[in-house]
């Protein structure tokens, strides 16, 4: 099962904006409690950045009206057909 949302911006561990993806789909039921996102983007720089993630911090901020944010303590990325799949562990929420 998946939850489709509008586009999102992606930020690295220095909070530097790495680009925008038109579609980000959260896959429910990730293995071992991992959060899984499928990302579609036409930005080659963002695609290269996401595919190179290897247990790296990542911030994903949706650009829709809800503005939901995923703060990954670590995430890894790889090509998955037309999409780039990101999977990782979310950072613990601050009290």
N, C-alpha and C. Protein backbone atom coordinates (compact mmCIF):
# COMPACT_ATOMS: atom_id res chain seq x y z
N UNK A 1 0.85 -1.18 0.00
CA UNK A 1 0.00 0.00 0.00
C UNK A 1 0.89 1.24 0.00
N UNK A 2 0.42 2.30 -0.66
CA UNK A 2 1.22 3.52 -0.77
C UNK A 2 0.35 4.73 -0.51
N UNK A 3 1.00 5.79 -0.08
CA UNK A 3 0.34 7.06 0.13
C UNK A 3 0.99 8.06 -0.81
N UNK A 4 0.26 8.54 -1.82
CA UNK A 4 0.83 9.48 -2.77
C UNK A 4 0.61 10.90 -2.30
N UNK A 5 1.60 11.71 -2.48
CA UNK A 5 1.56 13.10 -2.08
C UNK A 5 2.10 13.95 -3.22
N UNK A 6 2.00 15.24 -3.07
CA UNK A 6 2.57 16.15 -4.05
C UNK A 6 4.08 16.15 -3.93
N UNK A 7 4.70 17.12 -4.57
CA UNK A 7 6.15 17.19 -4.58
C UNK A 7 6.76 17.49 -3.23
N UNK A 8 8.09 17.38 -3.20
CA UNK A 8 8.82 17.61 -1.95
C UNK A 8 10.21 18.15 -2.28
N UNK A 9 10.77 18.88 -1.32
CA UNK A 9 12.15 19.36 -1.40
C UNK A 9 13.00 18.44 -0.53
N UNK A 10 14.27 18.31 -0.91
CA UNK A 10 15.20 17.42 -0.23
C UNK A 10 16.40 18.23 0.25
N UNK A 11 16.80 17.99 1.51
CA UNK A 11 17.90 18.73 2.13
C UNK A 11 18.93 17.74 2.69
N UNK A 12 20.21 18.07 2.54
CA UNK A 12 21.27 17.20 3.06
C UNK A 12 21.53 17.48 4.54
N UNK A 13 22.58 16.88 5.08
CA UNK A 13 22.87 17.00 6.51
C UNK A 13 23.27 18.41 6.93
N UNK A 14 23.62 19.28 5.96
CA UNK A 14 23.93 20.69 6.26
C UNK A 14 22.72 21.58 6.00
N UNK A 15 21.57 20.95 5.77
CA UNK A 15 20.30 21.65 5.46
C UNK A 15 20.38 22.42 4.14
N UNK A 16 21.28 21.98 3.27
CA UNK A 16 21.39 22.57 1.94
C UNK A 16 20.32 21.96 1.03
N UNK A 17 19.59 22.80 0.32
CA UNK A 17 18.53 22.37 -0.58
C UNK A 17 19.15 21.64 -1.77
N UNK A 18 18.80 20.36 -1.93
CA UNK A 18 19.36 19.55 -3.01
C UNK A 18 18.43 19.44 -4.21
N UNK A 19 17.19 19.92 -4.10
CA UNK A 19 16.30 19.90 -5.25
C UNK A 19 14.89 19.50 -4.90
N UNK A 20 14.04 19.47 -5.96
CA UNK A 20 12.62 19.21 -5.81
C UNK A 20 12.22 18.01 -6.66
N UNK A 21 11.34 17.20 -6.13
CA UNK A 21 10.77 16.06 -6.85
C UNK A 21 9.28 16.29 -7.01
N UNK A 22 8.76 15.99 -8.20
CA UNK A 22 7.35 16.24 -8.50
C UNK A 22 6.41 15.30 -7.76
N UNK A 23 6.87 14.08 -7.52
CA UNK A 23 6.03 13.09 -6.86
C UNK A 23 6.86 12.31 -5.85
N UNK A 24 6.33 12.19 -4.63
CA UNK A 24 6.95 11.38 -3.59
C UNK A 24 5.87 10.50 -3.00
N UNK A 25 6.07 9.19 -3.06
CA UNK A 25 5.09 8.22 -2.59
C UNK A 25 5.68 7.46 -1.41
N UNK A 26 4.99 7.50 -0.28
CA UNK A 26 5.44 6.72 0.88
C UNK A 26 4.85 5.33 0.79
N UNK A 27 5.71 4.33 0.84
CA UNK A 27 5.30 2.94 0.83
C UNK A 27 5.08 2.51 2.27
N UNK A 28 3.92 1.99 2.56
CA UNK A 28 3.61 1.56 3.92
C UNK A 28 4.12 0.15 4.16
N UNK A 29 4.47 -0.14 5.39
CA UNK A 29 4.91 -1.48 5.76
C UNK A 29 6.34 -1.77 5.38
N UNK A 30 7.24 -0.81 5.54
CA UNK A 30 8.65 -1.02 5.24
C UNK A 30 9.24 -2.11 6.12
N UNK A 31 10.17 -2.87 5.58
CA UNK A 31 10.82 -3.97 6.29
C UNK A 31 11.58 -3.46 7.52
N UNK A 32 11.43 -4.11 8.63
CA UNK A 32 12.17 -3.78 9.84
C UNK A 32 11.91 -2.39 10.38
N UNK A 33 10.73 -1.84 10.10
CA UNK A 33 10.39 -0.52 10.61
C UNK A 33 11.00 0.63 9.82
N UNK A 34 11.58 0.33 8.65
CA UNK A 34 12.17 1.40 7.84
C UNK A 34 11.07 2.19 7.15
N UNK A 35 11.32 3.46 6.92
CA UNK A 35 10.44 4.31 6.14
C UNK A 35 10.93 4.26 4.70
N UNK A 36 9.99 4.04 3.76
CA UNK A 36 10.34 3.88 2.35
C UNK A 36 9.59 4.91 1.52
N UNK A 37 10.33 5.64 0.69
CA UNK A 37 9.75 6.63 -0.22
C UNK A 37 10.18 6.31 -1.65
N UNK A 38 9.25 6.41 -2.59
CA UNK A 38 9.58 6.35 -4.02
C UNK A 38 9.50 7.76 -4.56
N UNK A 39 10.55 8.20 -5.22
CA UNK A 39 10.70 9.59 -5.65
C UNK A 39 10.80 9.65 -7.18
N UNK A 40 10.01 10.54 -7.78
CA UNK A 40 10.10 10.82 -9.21
C UNK A 40 10.55 12.26 -9.39
N UNK A 41 11.66 12.45 -10.12
CA UNK A 41 12.19 13.80 -10.35
C UNK A 41 12.81 13.89 -11.73
N UNK A 42 12.77 15.08 -12.31
CA UNK A 42 13.45 15.35 -13.58
C UNK A 42 14.76 16.09 -13.35
N UNK A 43 15.08 16.39 -12.09
CA UNK A 43 16.31 17.11 -11.76
C UNK A 43 17.46 16.12 -11.63
N UNK A 44 18.40 16.19 -12.58
CA UNK A 44 19.50 15.22 -12.59
C UNK A 44 20.38 15.34 -11.34
N UNK A 45 20.57 16.57 -10.84
CA UNK A 45 21.38 16.75 -9.63
C UNK A 45 20.76 16.09 -8.42
N UNK A 46 19.44 16.25 -8.27
CA UNK A 46 18.75 15.60 -7.15
C UNK A 46 18.79 14.09 -7.31
N UNK A 47 18.55 13.60 -8.52
CA UNK A 47 18.57 12.15 -8.75
C UNK A 47 19.93 11.57 -8.37
N UNK A 48 21.01 12.22 -8.79
CA UNK A 48 22.35 11.74 -8.47
C UNK A 48 22.59 11.76 -6.96
N UNK A 49 22.16 12.83 -6.29
CA UNK A 49 22.30 12.94 -4.83
C UNK A 49 21.57 11.81 -4.12
N UNK A 50 20.31 11.57 -4.51
CA UNK A 50 19.51 10.54 -3.84
C UNK A 50 20.08 9.14 -4.08
N UNK A 51 20.53 8.85 -5.29
CA UNK A 51 21.09 7.52 -5.58
C UNK A 51 22.41 7.29 -4.87
N UNK A 52 23.10 8.38 -4.49
CA UNK A 52 24.39 8.25 -3.80
C UNK A 52 24.24 8.17 -2.28
N UNK A 53 23.02 8.35 -1.76
CA UNK A 53 22.83 8.27 -0.31
C UNK A 53 23.23 6.89 0.20
N UNK A 54 24.03 6.86 1.24
CA UNK A 54 24.46 5.60 1.84
C UNK A 54 24.50 5.79 3.36
N UNK A 55 23.33 5.53 3.97
CA UNK A 55 23.18 5.70 5.41
C UNK A 55 23.54 7.13 5.83
N UNK A 56 22.98 8.09 5.08
CA UNK A 56 23.25 9.51 5.29
C UNK A 56 22.01 10.21 5.84
N UNK A 57 22.21 11.28 6.63
CA UNK A 57 21.06 12.07 7.09
C UNK A 57 20.34 12.71 5.89
N UNK A 58 19.02 12.86 6.01
CA UNK A 58 18.22 13.43 4.92
C UNK A 58 16.96 14.04 5.51
N UNK A 59 16.59 15.21 4.98
CA UNK A 59 15.34 15.86 5.36
C UNK A 59 14.49 15.99 4.10
N UNK A 60 13.25 15.51 4.19
CA UNK A 60 12.30 15.59 3.08
C UNK A 60 11.13 16.43 3.54
N UNK A 61 10.86 17.52 2.82
CA UNK A 61 9.77 18.41 3.21
C UNK A 61 8.79 18.54 2.04
N UNK A 62 7.57 18.03 2.26
CA UNK A 62 6.54 18.13 1.23
C UNK A 62 6.19 19.59 1.00
N UNK A 63 5.87 19.92 -0.25
CA UNK A 63 5.55 21.30 -0.61
C UNK A 63 4.05 21.54 -0.73
N UNK A 64 3.24 20.57 -0.32
CA UNK A 64 1.79 20.78 -0.34
C UNK A 64 1.36 21.58 0.89
N UNK A 65 0.09 21.81 1.04
CA UNK A 65 -0.40 22.65 2.13
C UNK A 65 -0.17 22.04 3.51
N UNK A 66 -0.08 20.71 3.60
CA UNK A 66 0.16 20.08 4.90
C UNK A 66 1.61 20.24 5.34
N UNK A 67 2.54 20.31 4.38
CA UNK A 67 3.95 20.54 4.68
C UNK A 67 4.60 19.50 5.57
N UNK A 68 4.17 18.25 5.48
CA UNK A 68 4.75 17.18 6.31
C UNK A 68 6.25 17.06 6.04
N UNK A 69 6.99 16.69 7.07
CA UNK A 69 8.43 16.56 6.97
C UNK A 69 8.86 15.19 7.48
N UNK A 70 9.82 14.59 6.75
CA UNK A 70 10.46 13.36 7.20
C UNK A 70 11.92 13.70 7.49
N UNK A 71 12.35 13.48 8.72
CA UNK A 71 13.72 13.73 9.12
C UNK A 71 14.39 12.37 9.35
N UNK A 72 15.19 11.94 8.36
CA UNK A 72 15.86 10.65 8.45
C UNK A 72 17.16 10.78 9.22
N UNK A 73 17.34 9.95 10.24
CA UNK A 73 18.63 9.84 10.92
C UNK A 73 19.65 9.30 9.92
N UNK A 74 19.19 8.35 9.10
CA UNK A 74 19.99 7.85 7.98
C UNK A 74 19.05 7.33 6.90
N UNK A 75 19.51 7.45 5.66
CA UNK A 75 18.74 6.97 4.51
C UNK A 75 19.72 6.51 3.42
N UNK A 76 19.27 5.54 2.65
CA UNK A 76 20.03 5.07 1.50
C UNK A 76 19.11 5.12 0.29
N UNK A 77 19.68 5.31 -0.89
CA UNK A 77 18.87 5.44 -2.09
C UNK A 77 19.40 4.57 -3.23
N UNK A 78 18.49 4.16 -4.11
CA UNK A 78 18.88 3.37 -5.28
C UNK A 78 17.79 3.49 -6.34
N UNK A 79 18.15 3.22 -7.60
CA UNK A 79 17.19 3.24 -8.69
C UNK A 79 16.22 2.09 -8.52
N UNK A 80 14.94 2.37 -8.80
CA UNK A 80 13.89 1.36 -8.72
C UNK A 80 12.95 1.60 -9.90
N UNK A 81 13.34 1.14 -11.07
CA UNK A 81 12.58 1.42 -12.27
C UNK A 81 12.71 2.90 -12.61
N UNK A 82 11.58 3.57 -12.84
CA UNK A 82 11.59 5.01 -13.16
C UNK A 82 11.79 5.87 -11.93
N UNK A 83 11.61 5.28 -10.76
CA UNK A 83 11.70 6.02 -9.50
C UNK A 83 13.05 5.78 -8.82
N UNK A 84 13.30 6.59 -7.82
CA UNK A 84 14.43 6.37 -6.91
C UNK A 84 13.82 6.00 -5.57
N UNK A 85 14.21 4.87 -5.04
CA UNK A 85 13.69 4.42 -3.75
C UNK A 85 14.64 4.86 -2.65
N UNK A 86 14.06 5.52 -1.65
CA UNK A 86 14.79 5.95 -0.46
C UNK A 86 14.25 5.11 0.69
N UNK A 87 15.13 4.53 1.46
CA UNK A 87 14.70 3.82 2.67
C UNK A 87 15.66 4.13 3.79
N UNK A 88 15.08 4.25 4.98
CA UNK A 88 15.92 4.58 6.11
C UNK A 88 15.14 4.67 7.41
N UNK A 89 15.86 5.08 8.42
CA UNK A 89 15.31 5.18 9.78
C UNK A 89 15.08 6.65 10.11
N UNK A 90 13.87 6.96 10.55
CA UNK A 90 13.56 8.34 10.95
C UNK A 90 14.24 8.67 12.27
N UNK A 91 14.63 9.93 12.40
CA UNK A 91 15.23 10.41 13.65
C UNK A 91 14.15 10.44 14.72
N UNK A 92 14.56 10.22 15.96
CA UNK A 92 13.61 10.28 17.07
C UNK A 92 13.11 11.71 17.21
N UNK A 93 11.84 11.84 17.49
CA UNK A 93 11.24 13.16 17.67
C UNK A 93 11.71 13.78 18.98
N UNK A 94 11.95 15.07 18.96
CA UNK A 94 12.34 15.77 20.18
C UNK A 94 11.11 16.02 21.05
N UNK A 95 11.27 15.94 22.37
CA UNK A 95 10.12 16.20 23.24
C UNK A 95 9.74 17.65 23.24
